[in-house]
Amino acid sequence: MSCLSLTPLLVLVLVLGVSLGAAFPHHTLRKDCSLSKYQTIASEEKEAMDKMRQEFVSTAGSAGLWGTCHPQMSDRVLLVVAELNLTTAMLELPADPSFAELRRQPLKFFDQARADVLGCVSVDPAHQPSGRLRHRLNKLQEAMRTESTECLRASTIVNVMHVLENLHCAALRHKC
C-alpha cells in the first residue's frame, strides 16, 4: 500500500480528534431534526457501497474496527457522527484511479449524510453519554492513535454497511 505524507495524516487525525472530542461530552439530538430520508436507503446507494466494500476486501483483505452495539437514540446519533467523520475522511484519501471511481458515489452519499446528521446535533450540557458510547468513541480514538492509515482505511471500508445500518437506525429513531 502507498505511504501518505505526514502533513495530511496529521491534519486528518486532528480533524477526527476534534470531531470525536467535540461529540463526546455534551451533544444530543435536536428536537426538530429529521433524518427521514435515511429511513429507506435507495438500493443503488447500498449496491454502490457494497460493490466498493467487496472490491476493497477482495484486493486488500479485511480488518475489524466496529463491534455490535445498540446505543440509545441520542447516543446512536453521536456514534453515527463519529463513524461518518471517520468514513468520509478515509474515503477522501488518495487512491488508485479504479478505486477512486468506485468510492465516488459512496463518498458523496456519506458526505451528505454527515452534513445532515451534524445538523441534528445540538449542545445539551445535561446529556451524559452512556458508557457504551464512551467506550465506542474511546475505541475509535484509540484506533486513530495506534493504527496505520492503511489499517484505518481498510477497516472503515470493510464496515461501510455497518455505518449505513447505524445511519438507518438513527433515522428510524427508536424503531431499531
N, C-alpha and C. Protein backbone atom coordinates (compact mmCIF):
# COMPACT_ATOMS: atom_id res chain seq x y z
N MET A 1 0.85 -1.18 0.00
CA MET A 1 0.00 0.00 0.00
C MET A 1 0.88 1.23 0.00
N SER A 2 0.39 2.33 -0.56
CA SER A 2 1.21 3.52 -0.68
C SER A 2 1.29 4.26 0.64
N CYS A 3 2.40 5.00 0.80
CA CYS A 3 2.59 5.80 2.02
C CYS A 3 2.03 7.19 1.78
N LEU A 4 1.46 7.75 2.81
CA LEU A 4 0.92 9.10 2.74
C LEU A 4 1.90 10.04 3.40
N SER A 5 1.90 11.31 2.96
CA SER A 5 2.78 12.26 3.62
C SER A 5 2.27 12.53 5.02
N LEU A 6 3.14 12.98 5.88
CA LEU A 6 2.82 13.17 7.28
C LEU A 6 1.84 14.32 7.49
N THR A 7 1.93 15.39 6.72
CA THR A 7 1.07 16.55 6.94
C THR A 7 -0.41 16.22 6.77
N PRO A 8 -0.85 15.61 5.65
CA PRO A 8 -2.28 15.28 5.55
C PRO A 8 -2.75 14.32 6.64
N LEU A 9 -1.88 13.39 7.03
CA LEU A 9 -2.25 12.45 8.09
C LEU A 9 -2.45 13.18 9.40
N LEU A 10 -1.56 14.12 9.73
CA LEU A 10 -1.71 14.89 10.96
C LEU A 10 -2.98 15.73 10.93
N VAL A 11 -3.26 16.34 9.80
CA VAL A 11 -4.49 17.12 9.66
C VAL A 11 -5.70 16.22 9.85
N LEU A 12 -5.67 15.04 9.24
CA LEU A 12 -6.76 14.07 9.38
C LEU A 12 -6.97 13.70 10.83
N VAL A 13 -5.90 13.37 11.53
CA VAL A 13 -6.01 12.97 12.93
C VAL A 13 -6.55 14.12 13.77
N LEU A 14 -6.07 15.34 13.51
CA LEU A 14 -6.57 16.49 14.27
C LEU A 14 -8.05 16.73 14.02
N VAL A 15 -8.46 16.67 12.75
CA VAL A 15 -9.87 16.88 12.41
C VAL A 15 -10.74 15.82 13.07
N LEU A 16 -10.33 14.56 12.96
CA LEU A 16 -11.12 13.49 13.56
C LEU A 16 -11.11 13.58 15.07
N GLY A 17 -9.97 13.90 15.65
CA GLY A 17 -9.88 14.04 17.10
C GLY A 17 -10.76 15.14 17.62
N VAL A 18 -10.76 16.29 16.94
CA VAL A 18 -11.62 17.40 17.35
C VAL A 18 -13.08 17.02 17.17
N SER A 19 -13.40 16.36 16.06
CA SER A 19 -14.78 15.95 15.82
C SER A 19 -15.26 14.98 16.88
N LEU A 20 -14.45 13.97 17.17
CA LEU A 20 -14.85 13.00 18.18
C LEU A 20 -14.86 13.61 19.57
N GLY A 21 -13.85 14.42 19.87
CA GLY A 21 -13.78 15.06 21.18
C GLY A 21 -14.94 16.01 21.39
N ALA A 22 -15.31 16.74 20.35
CA ALA A 22 -16.44 17.66 20.48
C ALA A 22 -17.75 16.91 20.64
N ALA A 23 -17.88 15.76 20.00
CA ALA A 23 -19.12 15.00 20.11
C ALA A 23 -19.22 14.26 21.43
N PHE A 24 -18.09 14.02 22.04
CA PHE A 24 -18.07 13.13 23.21
C PHE A 24 -18.87 13.63 24.41
N PRO A 25 -18.67 14.86 24.93
CA PRO A 25 -19.28 15.12 26.23
C PRO A 25 -20.73 15.59 26.24
N HIS A 26 -21.14 16.49 25.35
CA HIS A 26 -22.37 17.20 25.65
C HIS A 26 -23.35 17.37 24.50
N HIS A 27 -23.33 16.57 23.49
CA HIS A 27 -24.26 16.77 22.38
C HIS A 27 -25.44 15.82 22.52
N THR A 28 -26.54 16.24 21.93
CA THR A 28 -27.73 15.40 21.92
C THR A 28 -28.52 15.70 20.65
N LEU A 29 -29.56 14.96 20.41
CA LEU A 29 -30.37 15.09 19.21
C LEU A 29 -31.30 16.29 19.32
N ARG A 30 -31.28 17.16 18.32
CA ARG A 30 -32.20 18.29 18.30
C ARG A 30 -33.61 17.79 18.06
N LYS A 31 -34.58 18.45 18.66
CA LYS A 31 -35.99 18.04 18.54
C LYS A 31 -36.51 18.18 17.11
N ASP A 32 -36.05 19.23 16.38
CA ASP A 32 -36.55 19.49 15.04
C ASP A 32 -35.78 18.74 13.95
N CYS A 33 -34.95 17.82 14.36
CA CYS A 33 -34.12 17.08 13.42
C CYS A 33 -34.94 16.08 12.62
N SER A 34 -34.64 15.99 11.34
CA SER A 34 -35.30 14.97 10.52
C SER A 34 -34.27 14.27 9.66
N LEU A 35 -34.11 13.01 9.91
CA LEU A 35 -33.25 12.18 9.09
C LEU A 35 -34.11 11.19 8.30
N SER A 36 -35.35 11.56 8.08
CA SER A 36 -36.30 10.63 7.48
C SER A 36 -35.87 10.10 6.11
N LYS A 37 -35.08 10.88 5.37
CA LYS A 37 -34.67 10.38 4.06
C LYS A 37 -33.74 9.16 4.17
N TYR A 38 -33.22 8.89 5.37
CA TYR A 38 -32.37 7.72 5.57
C TYR A 38 -33.14 6.53 6.14
N GLN A 39 -34.45 6.69 6.33
CA GLN A 39 -35.26 5.57 6.81
C GLN A 39 -35.31 4.47 5.76
N THR A 40 -35.31 4.86 4.51
CA THR A 40 -35.23 3.91 3.41
C THR A 40 -34.07 4.36 2.54
N ILE A 41 -33.06 3.56 2.47
CA ILE A 41 -31.87 3.92 1.69
C ILE A 41 -31.98 3.21 0.35
N ALA A 42 -31.83 4.00 -0.70
CA ALA A 42 -32.00 3.50 -2.06
C ALA A 42 -31.08 2.32 -2.34
N SER A 43 -31.61 1.35 -3.07
CA SER A 43 -30.85 0.14 -3.35
C SER A 43 -29.59 0.45 -4.15
N GLU A 44 -29.63 1.46 -5.03
CA GLU A 44 -28.42 1.78 -5.79
C GLU A 44 -27.32 2.34 -4.88
N GLU A 45 -27.69 3.03 -3.79
CA GLU A 45 -26.70 3.51 -2.82
C GLU A 45 -26.09 2.32 -2.11
N LYS A 46 -26.94 1.40 -1.64
CA LYS A 46 -26.45 0.20 -0.96
C LYS A 46 -25.55 -0.61 -1.88
N GLU A 47 -25.98 -0.78 -3.13
CA GLU A 47 -25.21 -1.57 -4.09
C GLU A 47 -23.86 -0.93 -4.36
N ALA A 48 -23.83 0.40 -4.50
CA ALA A 48 -22.56 1.09 -4.75
C ALA A 48 -21.61 0.91 -3.57
N MET A 49 -22.14 1.01 -2.36
CA MET A 49 -21.30 0.84 -1.18
C MET A 49 -20.82 -0.60 -1.04
N ASP A 50 -21.74 -1.53 -1.28
CA ASP A 50 -21.36 -2.93 -1.15
C ASP A 50 -20.35 -3.32 -2.23
N LYS A 51 -20.52 -2.81 -3.43
CA LYS A 51 -19.57 -3.09 -4.51
C LYS A 51 -18.19 -2.55 -4.15
N MET A 52 -18.15 -1.32 -3.62
CA MET A 52 -16.89 -0.73 -3.21
C MET A 52 -16.26 -1.58 -2.11
N ARG A 53 -17.07 -1.97 -1.12
CA ARG A 53 -16.57 -2.76 0.01
C ARG A 53 -16.05 -4.11 -0.46
N GLN A 54 -16.82 -4.80 -1.31
CA GLN A 54 -16.41 -6.12 -1.80
C GLN A 54 -15.11 -6.05 -2.61
N GLU A 55 -15.02 -5.03 -3.46
CA GLU A 55 -13.81 -4.88 -4.26
C GLU A 55 -12.61 -4.60 -3.36
N PHE A 56 -12.81 -3.78 -2.36
CA PHE A 56 -11.72 -3.47 -1.45
C PHE A 56 -11.30 -4.71 -0.67
N VAL A 57 -12.27 -5.46 -0.17
CA VAL A 57 -11.96 -6.67 0.61
C VAL A 57 -11.24 -7.68 -0.27
N SER A 58 -11.66 -7.81 -1.51
CA SER A 58 -11.03 -8.81 -2.37
C SER A 58 -9.60 -8.43 -2.74
N THR A 59 -9.29 -7.13 -2.74
CA THR A 59 -7.94 -6.73 -3.10
C THR A 59 -7.06 -6.41 -1.90
N ALA A 60 -7.67 -6.05 -0.75
CA ALA A 60 -6.86 -5.60 0.38
C ALA A 60 -7.02 -6.45 1.63
N GLY A 61 -7.96 -7.36 1.66
CA GLY A 61 -8.20 -8.14 2.88
C GLY A 61 -9.14 -7.38 3.80
N SER A 62 -9.41 -7.91 4.97
CA SER A 62 -10.36 -7.25 5.87
C SER A 62 -9.73 -7.00 7.23
N ALA A 63 -10.28 -6.01 7.91
CA ALA A 63 -9.87 -5.70 9.29
C ALA A 63 -11.10 -5.23 10.03
N GLY A 64 -11.21 -5.54 11.29
CA GLY A 64 -12.40 -5.19 12.06
C GLY A 64 -12.15 -4.05 13.03
N LEU A 65 -13.00 -3.06 12.99
CA LEU A 65 -12.92 -1.96 13.95
C LEU A 65 -14.24 -1.82 14.68
N TRP A 66 -15.34 -2.04 13.97
CA TRP A 66 -16.64 -1.86 14.58
C TRP A 66 -17.08 -3.13 15.29
N GLY A 67 -17.77 -2.96 16.38
CA GLY A 67 -18.37 -4.08 17.09
C GLY A 67 -19.87 -3.92 17.03
N THR A 68 -20.56 -4.82 17.64
CA THR A 68 -22.01 -4.73 17.68
C THR A 68 -22.41 -4.00 18.94
N CYS A 69 -23.20 -2.94 18.77
CA CYS A 69 -23.74 -2.25 19.93
C CYS A 69 -25.08 -1.63 19.53
N HIS A 70 -25.92 -1.43 20.49
CA HIS A 70 -27.25 -0.88 20.25
C HIS A 70 -27.46 0.28 21.20
N PRO A 71 -26.89 1.45 20.87
CA PRO A 71 -26.95 2.58 21.80
C PRO A 71 -28.32 3.24 21.85
N GLN A 72 -28.50 4.09 22.89
CA GLN A 72 -29.72 4.89 22.99
C GLN A 72 -29.76 5.83 21.79
N MET A 73 -30.94 6.45 21.53
CA MET A 73 -31.09 7.26 20.33
C MET A 73 -30.08 8.39 20.25
N SER A 74 -29.99 9.24 21.26
CA SER A 74 -29.07 10.37 21.17
C SER A 74 -27.64 9.87 21.06
N ASP A 75 -27.34 8.77 21.74
CA ASP A 75 -26.01 8.18 21.63
C ASP A 75 -25.78 7.62 20.23
N ARG A 76 -26.79 7.03 19.64
CA ARG A 76 -26.64 6.48 18.29
C ARG A 76 -26.31 7.59 17.31
N VAL A 77 -26.95 8.74 17.45
CA VAL A 77 -26.67 9.86 16.55
C VAL A 77 -25.22 10.30 16.72
N LEU A 78 -24.75 10.38 17.96
CA LEU A 78 -23.36 10.78 18.20
C LEU A 78 -22.40 9.75 17.64
N LEU A 79 -22.74 8.48 17.77
CA LEU A 79 -21.91 7.42 17.20
C LEU A 79 -21.89 7.53 15.68
N VAL A 80 -23.04 7.80 15.08
CA VAL A 80 -23.11 7.96 13.62
C VAL A 80 -22.26 9.15 13.18
N VAL A 81 -22.29 10.25 13.92
CA VAL A 81 -21.45 11.41 13.59
C VAL A 81 -19.99 10.98 13.56
N ALA A 82 -19.55 10.30 14.59
CA ALA A 82 -18.15 9.86 14.67
C ALA A 82 -17.81 8.90 13.52
N GLU A 83 -18.70 7.94 13.26
CA GLU A 83 -18.46 6.98 12.19
C GLU A 83 -18.44 7.67 10.82
N LEU A 84 -19.36 8.61 10.60
CA LEU A 84 -19.39 9.32 9.32
C LEU A 84 -18.16 10.21 9.15
N ASN A 85 -17.70 10.83 10.23
CA ASN A 85 -16.48 11.63 10.14
C ASN A 85 -15.30 10.76 9.71
N LEU A 86 -15.16 9.61 10.35
CA LEU A 86 -14.06 8.70 10.02
C LEU A 86 -14.23 8.14 8.61
N THR A 87 -15.44 7.72 8.27
CA THR A 87 -15.68 7.12 6.96
C THR A 87 -15.38 8.10 5.84
N THR A 88 -15.90 9.32 5.93
CA THR A 88 -15.65 10.29 4.85
C THR A 88 -14.17 10.66 4.79
N ALA A 89 -13.52 10.79 5.93
CA ALA A 89 -12.09 11.12 5.93
C ALA A 89 -11.28 10.01 5.25
N MET A 90 -11.61 8.76 5.53
CA MET A 90 -10.87 7.65 4.94
C MET A 90 -11.17 7.51 3.44
N LEU A 91 -12.41 7.77 3.05
CA LEU A 91 -12.74 7.67 1.62
C LEU A 91 -12.15 8.83 0.82
N GLU A 92 -11.85 9.93 1.48
CA GLU A 92 -11.26 11.09 0.80
C GLU A 92 -9.76 10.94 0.56
N LEU A 93 -9.13 9.96 1.18
CA LEU A 93 -7.69 9.77 0.99
C LEU A 93 -7.39 9.42 -0.46
N PRO A 94 -6.20 9.78 -0.93
CA PRO A 94 -5.83 9.45 -2.30
C PRO A 94 -5.92 7.94 -2.55
N ALA A 95 -6.32 7.60 -3.78
CA ALA A 95 -6.48 6.18 -4.13
C ALA A 95 -6.15 5.98 -5.60
N ASP A 96 -5.92 4.73 -5.96
CA ASP A 96 -5.67 4.45 -7.37
C ASP A 96 -6.95 4.76 -8.16
N PRO A 97 -6.81 5.05 -9.46
CA PRO A 97 -7.95 5.51 -10.26
C PRO A 97 -9.17 4.59 -10.26
N SER A 98 -8.98 3.27 -10.28
CA SER A 98 -10.15 2.38 -10.32
C SER A 98 -10.92 2.43 -9.00
N PHE A 99 -10.22 2.49 -7.88
CA PHE A 99 -10.91 2.60 -6.59
C PHE A 99 -11.50 3.99 -6.42
N ALA A 100 -10.82 5.00 -6.91
CA ALA A 100 -11.33 6.37 -6.81
C ALA A 100 -12.70 6.47 -7.47
N GLU A 101 -12.88 5.79 -8.57
CA GLU A 101 -14.19 5.80 -9.25
C GLU A 101 -15.23 5.03 -8.43
N LEU A 102 -14.86 3.88 -7.87
CA LEU A 102 -15.80 3.10 -7.07
C LEU A 102 -16.25 3.84 -5.81
N ARG A 103 -15.40 4.64 -5.23
CA ARG A 103 -15.73 5.32 -3.98
C ARG A 103 -16.49 6.63 -4.20
N ARG A 104 -16.55 7.11 -5.45
CA ARG A 104 -17.15 8.41 -5.74
C ARG A 104 -18.58 8.51 -5.21
N GLN A 105 -19.46 7.60 -5.57
CA GLN A 105 -20.87 7.66 -5.14
C GLN A 105 -21.01 7.44 -3.63
N PRO A 106 -20.35 6.42 -3.03
CA PRO A 106 -20.45 6.28 -1.57
C PRO A 106 -19.92 7.50 -0.82
N LEU A 107 -18.83 8.10 -1.29
CA LEU A 107 -18.30 9.28 -0.62
C LEU A 107 -19.29 10.44 -0.69
N LYS A 108 -19.89 10.61 -1.82
CA LYS A 108 -20.89 11.68 -1.96
C LYS A 108 -22.06 11.43 -0.99
N PHE A 109 -22.52 10.20 -0.93
CA PHE A 109 -23.63 9.84 -0.04
C PHE A 109 -23.25 10.09 1.43
N PHE A 110 -22.10 9.55 1.85
CA PHE A 110 -21.68 9.70 3.25
C PHE A 110 -21.39 11.15 3.61
N ASP A 111 -20.86 11.91 2.67
CA ASP A 111 -20.60 13.32 2.92
C ASP A 111 -21.92 14.07 3.16
N GLN A 112 -22.93 13.78 2.36
CA GLN A 112 -24.25 14.41 2.54
C GLN A 112 -24.88 13.95 3.85
N ALA A 113 -24.77 12.66 4.14
CA ALA A 113 -25.33 12.13 5.40
C ALA A 113 -24.67 12.80 6.59
N ARG A 114 -23.36 12.98 6.53
CA ARG A 114 -22.63 13.63 7.63
C ARG A 114 -23.15 15.04 7.84
N ALA A 115 -23.34 15.79 6.77
CA ALA A 115 -23.87 17.15 6.88
C ALA A 115 -25.28 17.12 7.49
N ASP A 116 -26.10 16.18 7.06
CA ASP A 116 -27.46 16.07 7.59
C ASP A 116 -27.47 15.72 9.07
N VAL A 117 -26.65 14.75 9.45
CA VAL A 117 -26.61 14.32 10.85
C VAL A 117 -26.04 15.43 11.74
N LEU A 118 -25.00 16.10 11.27
CA LEU A 118 -24.43 17.20 12.06
C LEU A 118 -25.47 18.29 12.31
N GLY A 119 -26.40 18.46 11.37
CA GLY A 119 -27.49 19.42 11.55
C GLY A 119 -28.49 18.99 12.61
N CYS A 120 -28.39 17.75 13.05
CA CYS A 120 -29.31 17.22 14.05
C CYS A 120 -28.72 17.23 15.46
N VAL A 121 -27.47 17.57 15.58
CA VAL A 121 -26.81 17.52 16.88
C VAL A 121 -26.76 18.92 17.47
N SER A 122 -27.15 19.03 18.73
CA SER A 122 -27.07 20.30 19.44
C SER A 122 -26.44 20.07 20.80
N VAL A 123 -25.97 21.15 21.40
CA VAL A 123 -25.30 21.04 22.69
C VAL A 123 -26.34 20.97 23.80
N ASP A 124 -26.20 19.99 24.67
CA ASP A 124 -27.04 19.84 25.85
C ASP A 124 -26.14 19.48 27.02
N PRO A 125 -25.82 20.46 27.88
CA PRO A 125 -24.90 20.19 28.98
C PRO A 125 -25.41 19.12 29.94
N ALA A 126 -26.70 18.86 29.97
CA ALA A 126 -27.26 17.87 30.89
C ALA A 126 -27.10 16.44 30.37
N HIS A 127 -26.84 16.29 29.06
CA HIS A 127 -26.75 14.95 28.48
C HIS A 127 -25.47 14.25 28.93
N GLN A 128 -25.61 13.07 29.46
CA GLN A 128 -24.48 12.23 29.83
C GLN A 128 -24.45 11.03 28.89
N PRO A 129 -23.45 10.95 28.05
CA PRO A 129 -23.39 9.80 27.14
C PRO A 129 -23.29 8.50 27.92
N SER A 130 -23.88 7.47 27.37
CA SER A 130 -23.85 6.17 28.03
C SER A 130 -22.43 5.63 28.05
N GLY A 131 -22.23 4.67 28.91
CA GLY A 131 -20.93 4.00 28.97
C GLY A 131 -20.58 3.34 27.65
N ARG A 132 -21.59 2.82 26.98
CA ARG A 132 -21.36 2.19 25.67
C ARG A 132 -20.83 3.19 24.66
N LEU A 133 -21.45 4.39 24.63
CA LEU A 133 -20.99 5.41 23.69
C LEU A 133 -19.57 5.84 24.04
N ARG A 134 -19.30 6.09 25.29
CA ARG A 134 -17.95 6.48 25.69
C ARG A 134 -16.95 5.40 25.28
N HIS A 135 -17.33 4.14 25.48
CA HIS A 135 -16.45 3.03 25.09
C HIS A 135 -16.20 3.04 23.59
N ARG A 136 -17.26 3.17 22.80
CA ARG A 136 -17.12 3.17 21.33
C ARG A 136 -16.26 4.33 20.85
N LEU A 137 -16.51 5.54 21.40
CA LEU A 137 -15.73 6.70 20.98
C LEU A 137 -14.27 6.55 21.40
N ASN A 138 -14.05 6.02 22.58
CA ASN A 138 -12.67 5.77 23.02
C ASN A 138 -11.99 4.76 22.11
N LYS A 139 -12.74 3.75 21.70
CA LYS A 139 -12.19 2.72 20.81
C LYS A 139 -11.80 3.34 19.46
N LEU A 140 -12.67 4.21 18.93
CA LEU A 140 -12.35 4.89 17.67
C LEU A 140 -11.13 5.79 17.83
N GLN A 141 -11.08 6.56 18.92
CA GLN A 141 -9.93 7.44 19.16
C GLN A 141 -8.64 6.63 19.31
N GLU A 142 -8.71 5.53 20.03
CA GLU A 142 -7.54 4.68 20.21
C GLU A 142 -7.07 4.12 18.87
N ALA A 143 -8.00 3.69 18.04
CA ALA A 143 -7.64 3.18 16.72
C ALA A 143 -6.97 4.26 15.89
N MET A 144 -7.47 5.50 15.98
CA MET A 144 -6.86 6.59 15.22
C MET A 144 -5.45 6.89 15.71
N ARG A 145 -5.21 6.69 17.00
CA ARG A 145 -3.87 6.95 17.56
C ARG A 145 -2.90 5.82 17.25
N THR A 146 -3.37 4.60 17.21
CA THR A 146 -2.45 3.46 17.16
C THR A 146 -2.39 2.76 15.81
N GLU A 147 -3.42 2.83 15.01
CA GLU A 147 -3.45 2.10 13.75
C GLU A 147 -2.86 2.93 12.62
N SER A 148 -2.32 2.25 11.66
CA SER A 148 -1.82 2.94 10.47
C SER A 148 -3.00 3.46 9.66
N THR A 149 -2.72 4.44 8.84
CA THR A 149 -3.76 4.98 7.97
C THR A 149 -4.34 3.89 7.09
N GLU A 150 -3.49 3.02 6.58
CA GLU A 150 -3.96 1.93 5.71
C GLU A 150 -4.91 1.00 6.45
N CYS A 151 -4.59 0.69 7.71
CA CYS A 151 -5.45 -0.18 8.51
C CYS A 151 -6.79 0.49 8.81
N LEU A 152 -6.75 1.77 9.19
CA LEU A 152 -8.00 2.51 9.44
C LEU A 152 -8.86 2.55 8.19
N ARG A 153 -8.22 2.82 7.07
CA ARG A 153 -8.95 2.90 5.81
C ARG A 153 -9.59 1.55 5.49
N ALA A 154 -8.82 0.48 5.62
CA ALA A 154 -9.35 -0.85 5.33
C ALA A 154 -10.52 -1.18 6.24
N SER A 155 -10.36 -0.96 7.51
CA SER A 155 -11.42 -1.26 8.46
C SER A 155 -12.67 -0.43 8.18
N THR A 156 -12.47 0.82 7.85
CA THR A 156 -13.60 1.71 7.55
C THR A 156 -14.36 1.23 6.32
N ILE A 157 -13.64 0.89 5.28
CA ILE A 157 -14.30 0.47 4.04
C ILE A 157 -15.00 -0.87 4.22
N VAL A 158 -14.36 -1.78 4.92
CA VAL A 158 -14.97 -3.08 5.17
C VAL A 158 -16.28 -2.92 5.95
N ASN A 159 -16.37 -1.89 6.77
CA ASN A 159 -17.52 -1.71 7.65
C ASN A 159 -18.51 -0.63 7.20
N VAL A 160 -18.48 -0.24 5.92
CA VAL A 160 -19.41 0.80 5.47
C VAL A 160 -20.87 0.38 5.61
N MET A 161 -21.16 -0.90 5.47
CA MET A 161 -22.55 -1.33 5.60
C MET A 161 -23.01 -1.20 7.06
N HIS A 162 -22.12 -1.37 8.01
CA HIS A 162 -22.45 -1.17 9.42
C HIS A 162 -22.75 0.31 9.68
N VAL A 163 -21.96 1.20 9.11
CA VAL A 163 -22.21 2.64 9.26
C VAL A 163 -23.56 2.97 8.64
N LEU A 164 -23.83 2.40 7.49
CA LEU A 164 -25.11 2.62 6.82
C LEU A 164 -26.26 2.14 7.70
N GLU A 165 -26.10 0.99 8.35
CA GLU A 165 -27.14 0.47 9.25
C GLU A 165 -27.34 1.39 10.46
N ASN A 166 -26.26 1.90 11.03
CA ASN A 166 -26.39 2.84 12.15
C ASN A 166 -27.09 4.12 11.71
N LEU A 167 -26.79 4.60 10.52
CA LEU A 167 -27.47 5.78 9.98
C LEU A 167 -28.95 5.50 9.81
N HIS A 168 -29.25 4.35 9.27
CA HIS A 168 -30.64 3.92 9.07
C HIS A 168 -31.38 3.87 10.41
N CYS A 169 -30.75 3.29 11.42
CA CYS A 169 -31.36 3.20 12.75
C CYS A 169 -31.54 4.57 13.39
N ALA A 170 -30.58 5.46 13.18
CA ALA A 170 -30.72 6.82 13.71
C ALA A 170 -31.92 7.51 13.06
N ALA A 171 -32.11 7.27 11.77
CA ALA A 171 -33.26 7.87 11.07
C ALA A 171 -34.58 7.31 11.55
N LEU A 172 -34.60 6.02 11.90
CA LEU A 172 -35.83 5.40 12.40
C LEU A 172 -36.12 5.72 13.85
N ARG A 173 -35.18 6.35 14.51
CA ARG A 173 -35.20 6.70 15.93
C ARG A 173 -35.26 5.43 16.76
N HIS A 174 -36.23 5.20 17.58
CA HIS A 174 -36.22 4.08 18.50
C HIS A 174 -36.77 2.78 17.91
N LYS A 175 -36.91 2.69 16.60
CA LYS A 175 -37.53 1.52 15.99
C LYS A 175 -36.52 0.43 15.62
N CYS A 176 -35.26 0.59 15.93
CA CYS A 176 -34.24 -0.44 15.60
C CYS A 176 -34.00 -1.32 16.79
